[in-house]
Amino acid sequence: MLLETLIDAIEPIKSPRGRRRMRPEKLHADKAYDMPRCRQALRVRGIKPRIASRGIESSEKLGRHRWVVERTLAWLGKHRRLTIRYERRAEIHLALLHLGCSLVCLNFLIRF
């Protein structure tokens, strides 16, 4: 039910020239989103749905794109305060999330 809210909350995508695109071109999702309501919500917004079909397709093809998200969440999972949300105020949690992302980027840059 939150798919529509999530898609509507996406900020405009910056492009090198021309005006900003308001929506991504396509969305990759797993079998949990294989419902006509989700597909229709994406089509109405001009987004191509790339959703694995239940009982037909395996999740292996989707895994090529999904592992990036899973890997990033695992990197952020190293920081205990982000794994379990102890903070009541959203501003503090967002600040810790930015700090965690900065540390992930720093560790990536130090390796090279």
C-alpha atoms as a PDB file:
ATOM      1  CA  MET A   1       0.000   0.000   0.000  1.00  0.00           C
ATOM      2  CA  LEU A   2       2.968   2.291   0.470  1.00  0.00           C
ATOM      3  CA  LEU A   3       4.250   1.929  -3.086  1.00  0.00           C
ATOM      4  CA  GLU A   4       2.307   4.971  -4.323  1.00  0.00           C
ATOM      5  CA  THR A   5       3.477   7.093  -1.379  1.00  0.00           C
ATOM      6  CA  LEU A   6       7.070   6.006  -1.918  1.00  0.00           C
ATOM      7  CA  ILE A   7       6.998   6.796  -5.645  1.00  0.00           C
ATOM      8  CA  ASP A   8       5.384  10.192  -5.039  1.00  0.00           C
ATOM      9  CA  ALA A   9       8.089  11.057  -2.474  1.00  0.00           C
ATOM     10  CA  ILE A  10      10.957  10.653  -4.976  1.00  0.00           C
ATOM     11  CA  GLU A  11      12.759  13.940  -5.523  1.00  0.00           C
ATOM     12  CA  PRO A  12      13.334  15.185  -9.098  1.00  0.00           C
ATOM     13  CA  ILE A  13      16.250  13.496 -10.838  1.00  0.00           C
ATOM     14  CA  LYS A  14      19.005  15.863 -11.916  1.00  0.00           C
ATOM     15  CA  SER A  15      20.159  15.643 -15.501  1.00  0.00           C
ATOM     16  CA  PRO A  16      23.143  17.357 -17.149  1.00  0.00           C
ATOM     17  CA  ARG A  17      20.947  19.296 -19.552  1.00  0.00           C
ATOM     18  CA  GLY A  18      17.305  20.044 -19.982  1.00  0.00           C
ATOM     19  CA  ARG A  19      14.698  20.069 -17.276  1.00  0.00           C
ATOM     20  CA  ARG A  20      14.669  17.570 -14.459  1.00  0.00           C
ATOM     21  CA  ARG A  21      12.839  14.293 -14.822  1.00  0.00           C
ATOM     22  CA  MET A  22      10.200  13.997 -12.152  1.00  0.00           C
ATOM     23  CA  ARG A  23      10.109  10.196 -12.091  1.00  0.00           C
ATOM     24  CA  PRO A  24      12.504   7.329 -12.808  1.00  0.00           C
ATOM     25  CA  GLU A  25      12.055   5.509 -16.115  1.00  0.00           C
ATOM     26  CA  LYS A  26      11.593   2.044 -14.613  1.00  0.00           C
ATOM     27  CA  LEU A  27      11.246   0.352 -11.243  1.00  0.00           C
ATOM     28  CA  HIS A  28      12.661  -3.068 -10.327  1.00  0.00           C
ATOM     29  CA  ALA A  29      10.742  -4.960  -7.650  1.00  0.00           C
ATOM     30  CA  ASP A  30      10.441  -8.499  -6.337  1.00  0.00           C
ATOM     31  CA  LYS A  31       7.446 -10.834  -6.420  1.00  0.00           C
ATOM     32  CA  ALA A  32       5.809  -9.193  -3.396  1.00  0.00           C
ATOM     33  CA  TYR A  33       4.810  -6.268  -5.648  1.00  0.00           C
ATOM     34  CA  ASP A  34       3.294  -8.477  -8.366  1.00  0.00           C
ATOM     35  CA  MET A  35      -0.233  -7.100  -8.051  1.00  0.00           C
ATOM     36  CA  PRO A  36      -2.323  -5.357 -10.693  1.00  0.00           C
ATOM     37  CA  ARG A  37      -2.738  -2.366  -8.350  1.00  0.00           C
ATOM     38  CA  CYS A  38       1.023  -1.827  -8.127  1.00  0.00           C
ATOM     39  CA  ARG A  39       1.564  -2.222 -11.859  1.00  0.00           C
ATOM     40  CA  GLN A  40      -1.287   0.177 -12.629  1.00  0.00           C
ATOM     41  CA  ALA A  41       0.031   2.774 -10.150  1.00  0.00           C
ATOM     42  CA  LEU A  42       3.414   2.698 -11.897  1.00  0.00           C
ATOM     43  CA  ARG A  43       1.930   2.935 -15.382  1.00  0.00           C
ATOM     44  CA  VAL A  44      -0.228   5.921 -14.399  1.00  0.00           C
ATOM     45  CA  ARG A  45       2.960   7.705 -13.287  1.00  0.00           C
ATOM     46  CA  GLY A  46       4.801   6.827 -16.521  1.00  0.00           C
ATOM     47  CA  ILE A  47       7.157   4.281 -14.930  1.00  0.00           C
ATOM     48  CA  LYS A  48       7.876   0.937 -16.588  1.00  0.00           C
ATOM     49  CA  PRO A  49       7.307  -1.846 -14.034  1.00  0.00           C
ATOM     50  CA  ARG A  50      10.033  -4.499 -13.923  1.00  0.00           C
ATOM     51  CA  ILE A  51       8.400  -6.843 -11.435  1.00  0.00           C
ATOM     52  CA  ALA A  52       9.099 -10.576 -11.184  1.00  0.00           C
ATOM     53  CA  SER A  53       5.926 -12.603 -11.756  1.00  0.00           C
ATOM     54  CA  ARG A  54       4.753 -15.004  -9.062  1.00  0.00           C
ATOM     55  CA  GLY A  55       5.095 -18.662  -9.978  1.00  0.00           C
ATOM     56  CA  ILE A  56       6.663 -17.934 -13.362  1.00  0.00           C
ATOM     57  CA  GLU A  57       9.934 -16.056 -13.069  1.00  0.00           C
ATOM     58  CA  SER A  58      12.763 -16.728 -10.672  1.00  0.00           C
ATOM     59  CA  SER A  59      14.253 -13.927  -8.639  1.00  0.00           C
ATOM     60  CA  GLU A  60      17.712 -14.543 -10.114  1.00  0.00           C
ATOM     61  CA  LYS A  61      17.267 -12.051 -12.950  1.00  0.00           C
ATOM     62  CA  LEU A  62      16.106  -9.420 -10.493  1.00  0.00           C
ATOM     63  CA  GLY A  63      19.077 -10.138  -8.229  1.00  0.00           C
ATOM     64  CA  ARG A  64      21.455  -8.330 -10.569  1.00  0.00           C
ATOM     65  CA  HIS A  65      19.829  -5.040  -9.618  1.00  0.00           C
ATOM     66  CA  ARG A  66      18.709  -5.863  -6.093  1.00  0.00           C
ATOM     67  CA  TRP A  67      22.126  -6.789  -4.702  1.00  0.00           C
ATOM     68  CA  VAL A  68      23.182  -3.122  -4.813  1.00  0.00           C
ATOM     69  CA  VAL A  69      20.427  -2.219  -2.357  1.00  0.00           C
ATOM     70  CA  GLU A  70      21.060  -5.260  -0.147  1.00  0.00           C
ATOM     71  CA  ARG A  71      24.793  -4.533  -0.038  1.00  0.00           C
ATOM     72  CA  THR A  72      24.242  -0.898   0.913  1.00  0.00           C
ATOM     73  CA  LEU A  73      21.808  -1.833   3.673  1.00  0.00           C
ATOM     74  CA  ALA A  74      24.369  -4.327   4.987  1.00  0.00           C
ATOM     75  CA  TRP A  75      27.009  -1.592   5.090  1.00  0.00           C
ATOM     76  CA  LEU A  76      24.650   0.661   7.029  1.00  0.00           C
ATOM     77  CA  GLY A  77      23.753  -2.268   9.282  1.00  0.00           C
ATOM     78  CA  LYS A  78      27.228  -2.143  10.782  1.00  0.00           C
ATOM     79  CA  HIS A  79      26.172   0.982  12.662  1.00  0.00           C
ATOM     80  CA  ARG A  80      24.064  -0.205  15.575  1.00  0.00           C
ATOM     81  CA  ARG A  81      22.068   2.970  16.005  1.00  0.00           C
ATOM     82  CA  LEU A  82      20.834   2.689  12.428  1.00  0.00           C
ATOM     83  CA  THR A  83      19.970  -1.013  12.681  1.00  0.00           C
ATOM     84  CA  ILE A  84      17.601  -0.428  15.595  1.00  0.00           C
ATOM     85  CA  ARG A  85      16.084   3.016  15.703  1.00  0.00           C
ATOM     86  CA  TYR A  86      16.597   4.344  19.217  1.00  0.00           C
ATOM     87  CA  GLU A  87      15.993   7.980  18.332  1.00  0.00           C
ATOM     88  CA  ARG A  88      12.500   9.399  18.702  1.00  0.00           C
ATOM     89  CA  ARG A  89      13.116  12.538  16.682  1.00  0.00           C
ATOM     90  CA  ALA A  90      13.275  12.059  12.926  1.00  0.00           C
ATOM     91  CA  GLU A  91      15.891  14.837  12.540  1.00  0.00           C
ATOM     92  CA  ILE A  92      18.376  13.001  14.765  1.00  0.00           C
ATOM     93  CA  HIS A  93      17.802   9.704  12.968  1.00  0.00           C
ATOM     94  CA  LEU A  94      18.255  11.414   9.601  1.00  0.00           C
ATOM     95  CA  ALA A  95      21.481  13.020  10.815  1.00  0.00           C
ATOM     96  CA  LEU A  96      22.794   9.624  11.944  1.00  0.00           C
ATOM     97  CA  LEU A  97      21.784   8.155   8.603  1.00  0.00           C
ATOM     98  CA  HIS A  98      23.759  10.868   6.782  1.00  0.00           C
ATOM     99  CA  LEU A  99      26.721  10.203   9.063  1.00  0.00           C
ATOM    100  CA  GLY A 100      26.499   6.459   8.357  1.00  0.00           C
ATOM    101  CA  CYS A 101      26.389   7.085   4.591  1.00  0.00           C
ATOM    102  CA  SER A 102      29.386   9.395   4.895  1.00  0.00           C
ATOM    103  CA  LEU A 103      31.339   6.720   6.753  1.00  0.00           C
ATOM    104  CA  VAL A 104      30.437   4.124   4.112  1.00  0.00           C
ATOM    105  CA  CYS A 105      31.685   6.472   1.371  1.00  0.00           C
ATOM    106  CA  LEU A 106      34.854   7.250   3.343  1.00  0.00           C
ATOM    107  CA  ASN A 107      35.633   3.557   3.787  1.00  0.00           C
ATOM    108  CA  PHE A 108      35.072   3.024   0.066  1.00  0.00           C
ATOM    109  CA  LEU A 109      37.424   5.888  -0.843  1.00  0.00           C
ATOM    110  CA  ILE A 110      40.135   4.765   1.589  1.00  0.00           C
ATOM    111  CA  ARG A 111      40.332   1.366  -0.140  1.00  0.00           C
ATOM    112  CA  PHE A 112      41.317   3.035  -3.438  1.00  0.00           C
END
